[in-house]
Amino acid sequence: MNVNEIDFIEQEIKQLSPQSLVELREFIAYLQYKEMRRGSPWVREMYDAFAPVREAVDQMGLTEAEIDAIIDDTIDEVRRERT
């Protein structure tokens, strides 16, 4: 990929709506997963094992920020219980 192609992609990204940027981030995460998966059967097994979780989250309509907040709250709660 040359500099002109990278500049073109950058300009196109700048024109996307906030929702499209979220979708683009998710797509990039998928591509990164796909690249990583090529060499790791373990990654594929874990991805498949969490399929029901991904499906449930999709059905609940939670945003990434809401999921992060739930995880953070849960971690904080576990840490409080341990101290």
Protein backbone atom coordinates (compact mmCIF):
# COMPACT_ATOMS: atom_id res chain seq x y z
CA MET A 1 0.00 0.00 0.00
CA ASN A 2 1.43 3.36 -0.94
CA VAL A 3 1.18 6.77 0.72
CA ASN A 4 -1.59 7.95 -1.62
CA GLU A 5 -3.76 4.97 -0.74
CA ILE A 6 -3.20 5.52 2.97
CA ASP A 7 -4.08 9.22 2.61
CA PHE A 8 -7.25 8.29 0.71
CA ILE A 9 -8.33 5.86 3.44
CA GLU A 10 -7.60 8.44 6.12
CA GLN A 11 -9.74 11.05 4.35
CA GLU A 12 -12.61 8.60 3.93
CA ILE A 13 -12.47 7.67 7.63
CA LYS A 14 -12.68 11.34 8.62
CA GLN A 15 -16.02 11.58 6.80
CA LEU A 16 -17.68 8.66 8.60
CA SER A 17 -20.46 9.11 11.11
CA PRO A 18 -19.83 8.25 14.77
CA GLN A 19 -21.83 5.01 14.39
CA SER A 20 -19.85 4.04 11.31
CA LEU A 21 -16.63 4.68 13.23
CA VAL A 22 -17.80 2.24 15.91
CA GLU A 23 -18.55 -0.33 13.22
CA LEU A 24 -15.17 0.30 11.59
CA ARG A 25 -13.41 -0.23 14.91
CA GLU A 26 -15.27 -3.52 15.34
CA PHE A 27 -14.34 -4.57 11.81
CA ILE A 28 -10.68 -3.74 12.43
CA ALA A 29 -10.80 -5.81 15.63
CA TYR A 30 -12.23 -8.68 13.58
CA LEU A 31 -9.45 -8.36 11.00
CA GLN A 32 -6.84 -8.35 13.76
CA TYR A 33 -8.44 -11.44 15.26
CA LYS A 34 -8.47 -13.12 11.86
CA GLU A 35 -4.77 -12.37 11.35
CA MET A 36 -3.90 -13.68 14.81
CA ARG A 37 -6.09 -16.77 14.43
CA ARG A 38 -4.15 -18.07 11.45
CA GLY A 39 -1.42 -19.42 13.68
CA SER A 40 -3.32 -20.31 16.84
CA PRO A 41 -5.89 -23.08 17.26
CA TRP A 42 -6.29 -21.95 20.89
CA VAL A 43 -7.51 -18.51 19.79
CA ARG A 44 -10.11 -20.14 17.54
CA GLU A 45 -11.29 -22.40 20.37
CA MET A 46 -11.67 -19.42 22.73
CA TYR A 47 -13.45 -17.37 20.08
CA ASP A 48 -15.89 -20.22 19.47
CA ALA A 49 -16.37 -20.80 23.21
CA PHE A 50 -17.45 -17.18 23.68
CA ALA A 51 -19.90 -17.19 20.76
CA PRO A 52 -22.92 -17.39 23.13
CA VAL A 53 -21.61 -14.38 25.06
CA ARG A 54 -21.17 -12.34 21.89
CA GLU A 55 -24.67 -13.31 20.77
CA ALA A 56 -26.21 -12.35 24.12
CA VAL A 57 -24.46 -8.98 24.09
CA ASP A 58 -25.67 -8.35 20.55
CA GLN A 59 -29.24 -9.16 21.58
CA MET A 60 -29.02 -6.84 24.61
CA GLY A 61 -27.83 -4.00 22.39
CA LEU A 62 -25.08 -2.91 24.77
CA THR A 63 -22.47 -0.48 23.55
CA GLU A 64 -18.78 -1.16 23.99
CA ALA A 65 -18.66 1.55 26.66
CA GLU A 66 -21.50 -0.13 28.59
CA ILE A 67 -19.75 -3.49 28.40
CA ASP A 68 -16.50 -1.92 29.59
CA ALA A 69 -18.32 -0.30 32.52
CA ILE A 70 -19.90 -3.61 33.54
CA ILE A 71 -16.52 -5.33 33.42
CA ASP A 72 -14.83 -2.53 35.36
CA ASP A 73 -17.57 -2.57 38.03
CA THR A 74 -17.29 -6.34 38.37
CA ILE A 75 -13.51 -6.22 38.71
CA ASP A 76 -13.82 -3.49 41.35
CA GLU A 77 -16.37 -5.57 43.26
CA VAL A 78 -14.14 -8.67 43.25
CA ARG A 79 -11.18 -6.62 44.42
CA ARG A 80 -13.22 -5.14 47.28
CA GLU A 81 -14.31 -8.62 48.35
CA ARG A 82 -10.68 -9.82 48.44
CA THR A 83 -9.50 -6.99 50.70
